[in-house]
Protein backbone atom coordinates (compact mmCIF):
# COMPACT_ATOMS: atom_id res chain seq x y z
CA MET A 1 111.19 118.27 128.18
CA THR A 2 110.10 118.06 131.81
CA THR A 3 111.82 116.05 134.53
CA SER A 4 108.91 113.58 134.59
CA GLU A 5 109.41 112.98 130.86
CA ALA A 6 113.15 112.39 131.28
CA VAL A 7 112.75 109.69 133.91
CA SER A 8 109.45 107.80 133.92
CA PRO A 9 108.78 105.00 136.41
CA ARG A 10 106.76 103.24 133.70
CA TRP A 11 109.24 103.16 130.85
CA ARG A 12 111.88 100.47 130.56
CA VAL A 13 113.49 102.52 127.82
CA ARG A 14 112.83 106.16 127.02
CA PRO A 15 110.79 106.77 123.82
CA SER A 16 113.14 108.04 121.12
CA VAL A 17 113.57 108.00 117.35
CA PRO A 18 116.68 105.74 117.46
CA ILE A 19 114.76 103.13 119.47
CA ALA A 20 111.82 103.37 117.05
CA GLY A 21 114.31 102.97 114.21
CA LEU A 22 115.66 99.80 115.77
CA VAL A 23 112.15 98.40 116.17
CA PHE A 24 111.50 99.26 112.52
CA VAL A 25 114.67 97.54 111.26
CA VAL A 26 113.89 94.34 113.17
CA TYR A 27 110.31 94.39 111.86
CA VAL A 28 111.46 94.78 108.26
CA ALA A 29 114.03 92.00 108.67
CA ILE A 30 111.39 89.63 110.03
CA VAL A 31 108.55 90.40 107.62
CA ILE A 32 110.47 90.95 104.39
CA GLY A 33 112.80 88.05 105.17
CA LEU A 34 109.89 85.63 105.66
CA MET A 35 108.09 86.98 102.59
CA ARG A 36 111.15 86.27 100.44
CA ALA A 37 111.58 82.87 102.06
CA SER A 38 107.97 81.96 101.15
CA GLY A 39 109.01 81.57 97.51
CA VAL A 40 105.88 83.39 96.32
CA GLY A 41 106.36 86.32 93.95
CA TYR A 42 105.02 89.67 95.13
CA GLU A 43 102.44 89.82 92.34
CA HIS A 44 101.10 86.39 93.37
CA PHE A 45 100.76 86.94 97.13
CA PHE A 46 96.96 86.85 97.02
CA ASP A 47 96.35 84.43 94.15
CA SER A 48 95.16 81.65 96.47
CA ALA A 49 94.56 80.85 100.13
CA ASP A 50 97.84 78.94 100.31
CA SER A 51 99.96 81.69 98.76
CA THR A 52 98.31 84.29 101.01
CA LEU A 53 99.00 82.28 104.15
CA ARG A 54 102.64 81.60 103.24
CA SER A 55 103.61 84.98 101.81
CA ALA A 56 101.53 87.39 103.90
CA VAL A 57 99.80 85.91 106.95
CA LEU A 58 102.77 84.08 108.49
CA PRO A 59 105.31 86.93 107.98
CA LEU A 60 102.87 89.56 109.25
CA ALA A 61 101.95 87.41 112.25
CA ALA A 62 105.64 87.10 113.14
CA GLY A 63 106.08 90.87 112.78
CA ALA A 64 103.01 91.49 114.94
CA VAL A 65 104.44 89.26 117.68
CA TRP A 66 107.71 91.22 117.64
CA LEU A 67 105.90 94.57 117.92
CA THR A 68 103.62 93.34 120.71
CA VAL A 69 106.58 92.00 122.69
CA PHE A 70 108.41 95.32 122.32
CA VAL A 71 105.46 97.49 123.31
CA VAL A 72 104.66 95.34 126.34
CA TRP A 73 108.33 95.22 127.40
CA ALA A 74 109.11 98.91 126.77
CA ARG A 75 105.98 100.13 128.61
CA TRP A 76 105.69 103.24 126.48
CA ASP A 77 102.66 105.31 127.35
CA HIS A 78 100.14 106.65 124.81
CA VAL A 79 101.00 104.08 122.13
CA TRP A 80 97.42 102.78 121.91
CA ARG A 81 95.50 105.88 122.99
CA ASP A 82 96.33 109.58 122.96
CA ALA A 83 96.66 111.47 126.22
CA ARG A 84 93.96 113.85 124.96
CA ARG A 85 91.79 114.19 121.89
CA LEU A 86 93.39 116.56 119.40
CA PRO A 87 91.16 118.94 117.42
CA THR A 88 90.11 117.49 114.06
CA GLY A 89 87.87 119.65 111.89
CA TRP A 90 85.69 118.50 109.01
CA LEU A 91 88.47 119.18 106.48
CA LEU A 92 90.83 116.78 108.26
CA TRP A 93 88.07 114.17 108.46
CA SER A 94 87.43 114.39 104.72
CA LEU A 95 90.43 112.23 103.76
CA PRO A 96 89.47 109.24 105.99
CA VAL A 97 85.87 109.52 104.78
CA VAL A 98 86.89 109.42 101.11
CA MET A 99 89.18 106.48 101.85
CA THR A 100 86.34 104.59 103.51
CA VAL A 101 84.00 105.22 100.59
CA THR A 102 86.70 104.13 98.14
CA ALA A 103 87.28 100.88 100.05
CA VAL A 104 83.56 100.09 100.12
CA LEU A 105 83.27 100.73 96.37
CA HIS A 106 86.22 98.45 95.74
CA LEU A 107 84.50 95.69 97.71
CA LEU A 108 81.30 96.23 95.73
CA GLY A 109 83.33 95.79 92.55
CA VAL A 110 84.94 92.49 93.60
CA ASP A 111 84.04 89.34 91.68
CA TRP A 112 83.13 87.38 94.79
CA GLY A 113 82.24 84.29 92.78
CA ALA A 114 85.90 83.89 91.82
CA PHE A 115 86.91 83.36 95.46
CA ASP A 116 86.33 80.36 97.68
CA PRO A 117 85.60 81.01 101.40
CA GLY A 118 89.07 79.89 102.50
CA HIS A 119 90.72 82.33 100.11
CA VAL A 120 88.62 85.27 101.36
CA LEU A 121 89.33 84.30 104.97
CA ALA A 122 93.07 84.19 104.32
CA VAL A 123 93.00 87.64 102.69
CA LEU A 124 90.91 88.97 105.57
CA LEU A 125 93.40 87.62 108.09
CA ALA A 126 96.29 89.17 106.18
CA SER A 127 94.46 92.52 106.10
CA VAL A 128 93.77 92.44 109.85
CA LEU A 129 97.43 91.67 110.51
CA VAL A 130 98.59 94.48 108.22
CA GLY A 131 96.29 96.91 110.03
CA PHE A 132 97.47 95.79 113.44
CA ALA A 133 101.19 95.52 112.69
CA GLU A 134 101.75 98.60 110.55
CA GLU A 135 99.61 100.84 112.73
CA THR A 136 101.31 99.58 115.90
CA LEU A 137 104.65 100.33 114.27
CA PHE A 138 103.95 103.69 112.62
CA ARG A 139 100.99 105.36 114.32
CA GLY A 140 102.05 103.65 117.56
CA VAL A 141 105.78 103.25 118.18
CA VAL A 142 107.10 105.73 115.60
CA LEU A 143 104.54 108.45 116.33
CA ARG A 144 105.08 108.07 120.08
CA ALA A 145 108.83 108.46 119.60
CA LEU A 146 108.40 111.52 117.39
CA ARG A 147 106.04 113.11 119.90
CA GLN A 148 108.77 112.96 122.52
CA GLY A 149 110.67 116.20 123.04
CA ARG A 150 109.95 119.58 121.50
CA ARG A 151 108.61 118.63 118.05
CA SER A 152 105.25 120.04 117.07
CA GLU A 153 102.39 117.64 116.39
CA ALA A 154 102.49 118.70 112.73
CA ALA A 155 106.16 117.69 112.51
CA ALA A 156 105.49 114.36 114.24
CA ALA A 157 102.59 113.66 111.86
CA LEU A 158 104.62 114.65 108.78
CA TRP A 159 107.67 112.53 109.63
CA THR A 160 105.49 109.55 110.55
CA THR A 161 103.74 109.84 107.19
CA LEU A 162 106.99 110.14 105.22
CA TRP A 163 108.52 107.23 107.12
CA PHE A 164 105.49 105.08 106.38
CA GLY A 165 105.69 105.95 102.70
CA ALA A 166 109.43 105.24 102.50
CA PHE A 167 108.85 101.89 104.22
CA HIS A 168 107.21 100.63 101.02
CA LEU A 169 110.56 100.87 99.24
CA THR A 170 111.32 97.59 101.01
CA ASN A 171 109.05 95.99 98.41
CA LEU A 172 111.98 96.40 96.03
CA LEU A 173 113.54 93.55 98.02
CA LEU A 174 110.56 91.47 96.89
CA ASP A 175 111.30 92.31 93.26
CA GLU A 176 108.38 94.74 93.01
CA PRO A 177 109.42 97.58 90.65
CA GLY A 178 106.22 99.49 91.43
CA ALA A 179 107.46 100.10 94.98
CA VAL A 180 108.62 103.60 94.06
CA ILE A 181 105.09 104.57 93.04
CA GLN A 182 103.71 102.87 96.16
CA VAL A 183 105.71 105.29 98.30
CA VAL A 184 103.52 108.22 97.24
CA PHE A 185 100.18 106.46 97.62
CA ALA A 186 101.23 104.84 100.89
CA ALA A 187 102.29 108.18 102.36
CA LEU A 188 98.94 109.75 101.48
CA SER A 189 96.97 106.81 102.88
CA GLY A 190 99.22 106.93 105.95
CA LEU A 191 98.12 110.52 106.51
CA GLY A 192 94.53 109.29 106.47
CA PHE A 193 95.32 106.64 109.09
CA TYR A 194 96.99 109.29 111.25
CA LEU A 195 93.95 111.55 110.99
CA VAL A 196 91.67 108.71 112.12
CA ARG A 197 93.83 108.14 115.17
CA ARG A 198 93.93 111.88 115.83
CA GLY A 199 90.17 112.29 115.45
CA THR A 200 89.19 109.31 117.60
CA GLY A 201 92.11 109.38 120.01
CA THR A 202 92.73 105.65 119.60
CA ILE A 203 94.94 103.58 117.34
CA VAL A 204 92.23 100.90 117.02
CA ALA A 205 90.26 103.13 114.64
CA ALA A 206 93.35 103.57 112.45
CA MET A 207 93.87 99.80 112.46
CA ALA A 208 90.28 99.28 111.33
CA LEU A 209 90.54 101.72 108.41
CA HIS A 210 93.94 100.32 107.42
CA GLY A 211 92.60 96.76 107.45
CA LEU A 212 89.52 97.74 105.44
CA TRP A 213 91.63 99.66 102.91
CA ASP A 214 94.02 96.77 102.34
CA PHE A 215 91.27 94.12 102.33
CA SER A 216 89.48 95.93 99.53
CA THR A 217 92.74 96.53 97.67
CA PHE A 218 93.96 92.94 97.92
CA LEU A 219 90.65 91.48 96.73
CA SER A 220 89.98 93.99 93.95
CA SER A 221 93.52 93.62 92.59
CA THR A 222 92.97 89.85 92.34
CA HIS A 223 89.44 89.56 90.95
CA ALA A 224 87.48 92.69 90.09
CA VAL A 225 84.46 93.29 87.90
CA HIS A 226 84.80 96.30 85.63
CA GLY A 227 81.68 98.29 86.44
CA PRO A 228 80.47 101.57 87.97
CA ALA A 229 81.72 100.73 91.49
CA THR A 230 85.23 99.84 90.31
CA THR A 231 85.44 102.86 88.00
CA THR A 232 84.29 105.26 90.73
CA ALA A 233 86.73 103.75 93.23
CA SER A 234 89.58 104.21 90.74
CA LEU A 235 88.66 107.87 90.31
CA LEU A 236 88.48 108.39 94.06
CA ILE A 237 92.03 107.03 94.41
CA PHE A 238 93.22 110.21 92.73
CA VAL A 239 91.08 112.29 95.10
CA VAL A 240 92.82 110.57 98.00
């Protein structure tokens, strides 16, 4: 670590894993606490516009405010944009591409007639907030902390991905027994979000893919039509 890294005139607090861990714990306490307080069961989060607003939108909005306040206060550099574009070959791009195709197919397989406009808007808002908050936390704060010091980029990417996957164990606090399985799928999708940030050099692209992925997942898990699009999307999940 260079002298300029040790003492930066921009930072209020030096980027480090313990600080990222503290930010993470506060985020989990806010979001999971408000989700439990909503009184809506995990499996019913997206059943209606009202349940979506109470159980997802409001908690995620509160978490997003906390993360924004921290990032602005801490003045960490390279949270939103990388210092330089890292090499990303076609093989690394393949995962984000498959994820995008899968999300589009899921949306094509949604029974849109079963939703009213307010319900779709609430789910969209929740998806945007998930993309913003979780990417700011993991591919922003956590990745920036892990990039500090002598770790390789591969190590930073790996630990960020594993941390993101393990984060979904907090769904056990929402009485969701499938949280253990979610850890694996979340880690793999988290790798895709990392690769989008790496390939574009900006966290905004990762937020967009994350929001699209969750929007398609939330809607298709609520009202889906069993047809070619849905079947193909389900098969592509295993490819991911």
